Protein backbone atom coordinates (compact mmCIF):
# COMPACT_ATOMS: atom_id res chain seq x y z
CA MET A 1 -3.70 -10.50 8.13
CA ILE A 2 -0.75 -12.66 7.12
CA GLU A 3 -0.09 -13.68 10.73
CA ASP A 4 -3.62 -15.13 10.94
CA LEU A 5 -3.38 -17.22 7.77
CA GLN A 6 -3.65 -20.98 8.06
CA SER A 7 -2.29 -23.58 5.67
CA GLY A 8 -4.72 -24.27 2.83
CA GLU A 9 -6.54 -20.93 3.06
CA VAL A 10 -7.06 -18.73 0.03
CA VAL A 11 -6.48 -14.97 0.05
CA ILE A 12 -8.76 -13.39 -2.53
CA ALA A 13 -7.75 -9.99 -3.83
CA GLU A 14 -10.67 -8.30 -5.58
CA LYS A 15 -8.28 -6.81 -8.14
CA ILE A 16 -4.56 -7.18 -8.67
CA ASP A 17 -3.99 -3.49 -7.96
CA ARG A 18 -5.25 -3.98 -4.40
CA ILE A 19 -2.00 -5.77 -3.57
CA SER A 20 0.33 -4.09 -6.01
CA ARG A 21 0.66 -0.49 -4.92
CA LEU A 22 3.96 -1.68 -3.59
CA PRO A 23 6.99 -1.84 -5.88
CA LEU A 24 7.31 -5.22 -7.62
CA VAL A 25 9.97 -6.55 -5.22
CA GLU A 26 7.81 -5.69 -2.19
CA ALA A 27 4.68 -7.15 -3.80
CA GLU A 28 6.57 -10.38 -4.51
CA LYS A 29 7.67 -10.51 -0.84
CA LEU A 30 4.02 -10.15 0.18
CA VAL A 31 2.99 -13.00 -2.12
CA ASP A 32 5.89 -15.12 -0.81
CA ALA A 33 4.80 -14.44 2.79
CA ILE A 34 1.28 -15.62 1.93
CA ARG A 35 2.67 -18.77 0.29
CA ALA A 36 5.05 -19.40 3.20
CA LYS A 37 2.02 -19.74 5.45
CA GLY A 38 0.71 -22.48 3.16
CA ALA A 39 -2.02 -20.24 1.78
CA ARG A 40 -2.45 -19.18 -1.80
CA LEU A 41 -3.42 -15.96 -3.54
CA ALA A 42 -6.37 -15.84 -5.91
CA VAL A 43 -7.23 -12.85 -8.06
CA PRO A 44 -10.36 -12.98 -10.24
CA GLY A 45 -9.43 -12.30 -13.85
CA ILE A 46 -5.87 -13.60 -13.47
CA VAL A 47 -5.20 -17.07 -14.84
CA ASP A 48 -5.03 -19.52 -11.93
CA LEU A 49 -3.14 -22.72 -12.64
CA SER A 50 -3.11 -23.91 -9.03
CA GLN A 51 -5.57 -26.76 -9.64
CA LEU A 52 -3.42 -28.01 -12.51
CA THR A 53 -0.22 -27.77 -10.45
CA GLU A 54 -1.82 -29.73 -7.61
CA ALA A 55 -2.79 -32.52 -10.01
CA SER A 56 0.53 -32.66 -11.87
CA ARG A 57 3.82 -34.22 -10.86
CA GLY A 58 7.48 -33.78 -11.72
CA VAL A 59 8.53 -31.48 -14.53
CA ALA A 60 4.95 -30.54 -15.42
CA ASN A 61 4.38 -29.26 -11.89
CA VAL A 62 7.57 -27.19 -11.99
CA VAL A 63 6.68 -25.71 -15.40
CA LEU A 64 3.09 -24.90 -14.40
CA GLN A 65 4.25 -23.30 -11.14
CA GLY A 66 6.83 -21.25 -13.05
CA VAL A 67 4.21 -20.08 -15.55
CA GLN A 68 1.83 -19.19 -12.69
CA ASP A 69 4.58 -17.18 -10.95
CA MET A 70 5.49 -15.41 -14.20
CA LEU A 71 1.85 -14.48 -14.89
CA LEU A 72 1.50 -13.10 -11.37
CA ARG A 73 4.72 -11.06 -11.69
CA VAL A 74 3.61 -9.65 -15.03
CA ALA A 75 0.18 -8.74 -13.62
CA LEU A 76 1.77 -7.13 -10.55
CA GLN A 77 4.17 -5.10 -12.69
CA ILE A 78 1.42 -3.95 -15.07
CA ALA A 79 -0.75 -2.91 -12.12
CA ARG A 80 2.17 -1.05 -10.51
CA ASP A 81 2.98 0.73 -13.78
CA ASP A 82 -0.67 1.73 -14.14
CA PHE A 83 -0.70 3.05 -10.55
CA GLU A 84 2.45 5.10 -11.17
CA ASP A 85 1.06 6.45 -14.47
CA ARG A 86 -2.14 7.57 -12.75
CA ARG A 87 -0.18 9.28 -9.97
CA GLU A 88 2.03 11.03 -12.52
CA ARG A 89 -0.97 12.26 -14.52
CA GLN A 90 -2.61 13.44 -11.30
CA ARG A 91 0.56 15.32 -10.32
CA GLN A 92 0.74 16.92 -13.77
CA GLY A 93 -2.90 17.99 -13.52
CA ILE A 94 -2.32 19.49 -10.09
CA ASP A 95 0.77 21.34 -11.36
CA LEU A 96 -1.24 22.77 -14.28
CA ALA A 97 -4.09 23.80 -11.97
CA LYS A 98 -1.66 25.41 -9.52
CA GLY A 99 -0.02 27.30 -12.38
CA ALA A 100 -3.44 28.60 -13.43
CA GLY A 101 -4.29 29.54 -9.83
CA ARG A 102 -7.16 27.05 -9.61
CA TYR A 103 -5.67 24.63 -7.08
CA ALA A 104 -4.66 25.43 -3.56
CA GLY A 105 -5.01 22.03 -1.94
CA ARG A 106 -7.03 21.24 1.13
CA LYS A 107 -7.19 23.86 3.85
CA PRO A 108 -5.39 22.82 7.06
CA ASP A 109 -7.54 21.43 9.87
CA THR A 110 -6.51 24.00 12.46
CA LYS A 111 -8.46 22.34 15.28
CA MET A 112 -6.63 19.06 14.67
CA HIS A 113 -3.31 20.95 14.51
CA GLU A 114 -4.06 22.64 17.84
CA ARG A 115 -5.04 19.30 19.39
CA VAL A 116 -1.81 17.64 18.19
CA ILE A 117 0.36 20.55 19.37
CA ALA A 118 -1.36 20.61 22.78
CA LEU A 119 -0.94 16.85 23.29
CA LYS A 120 2.68 16.83 22.10
CA SER A 121 3.52 19.93 24.16
CA GLY A 122 1.93 18.21 27.15
CA GLY A 123 4.53 15.47 26.98
CA CYS A 124 2.72 12.78 25.00
CA SER A 125 4.79 10.61 22.69
CA ILE A 126 4.24 10.80 18.94
CA ALA A 127 2.36 7.49 18.91
CA GLU A 128 0.24 8.44 21.91
CA THR A 129 -0.52 11.85 20.39
CA ALA A 130 -1.58 10.18 17.14
CA ARG A 131 -3.87 7.77 18.98
CA LEU A 132 -5.46 10.46 21.17
CA ALA A 133 -5.87 12.95 18.31
CA GLY A 134 -7.21 10.31 15.93
CA VAL A 135 -4.57 10.95 13.26
CA SER A 136 -1.61 9.07 11.81
CA VAL A 137 1.89 9.13 13.26
CA SER A 138 3.15 10.82 10.09
CA GLN A 139 0.50 13.53 10.48
CA VAL A 140 1.67 14.20 14.06
CA LYS A 141 5.28 14.45 12.85
CA ARG A 142 4.28 16.81 10.03
CA VAL A 143 2.21 19.11 12.28
CA TRP A 144 4.86 19.11 15.01
CA ALA A 145 7.65 19.92 12.52
CA GLN A 146 5.60 22.79 11.06
CA ASN A 147 4.98 24.10 14.57
CA GLN A 148 8.68 23.90 15.47
CA THR A 149 9.64 25.73 12.24
CA LYS A 150 7.00 28.40 12.88
CA ASP A 151 8.32 28.92 16.44
CA LYS A 152 11.90 29.44 15.15
CA VAL A 153 10.89 32.13 12.65
């Protein structure tokens, strides 16, 4: 998406957490890449001082831009912290359920595993196998590694 941005365009993120599942440093790089294209980021519910910064000059512009950047960083960090808290609570819940014998996870898709193993055994690359099997590259690597381990045992 960033490659297609034009100067003056606005990227609207429905919620701040839609762009902030990345760590803060990575999220800031994403925002910087959007700004480098001459576009700006707008998030409903987050204070937007861009109209004020466009109308102001000199020190006022610098201060307003700094405040806008700070507000965005704070919002990104809060959203990231919330995301990590939810993942931690989910992990704790899964651990409790596993301990009580109520959670076993999703059953493996054996047909997909067979398809991946057949394609990979047939000489297809990892990327080609992923495309043909309709799965991600990481899924192909995971299935192939499990198959290799199973063959060694």
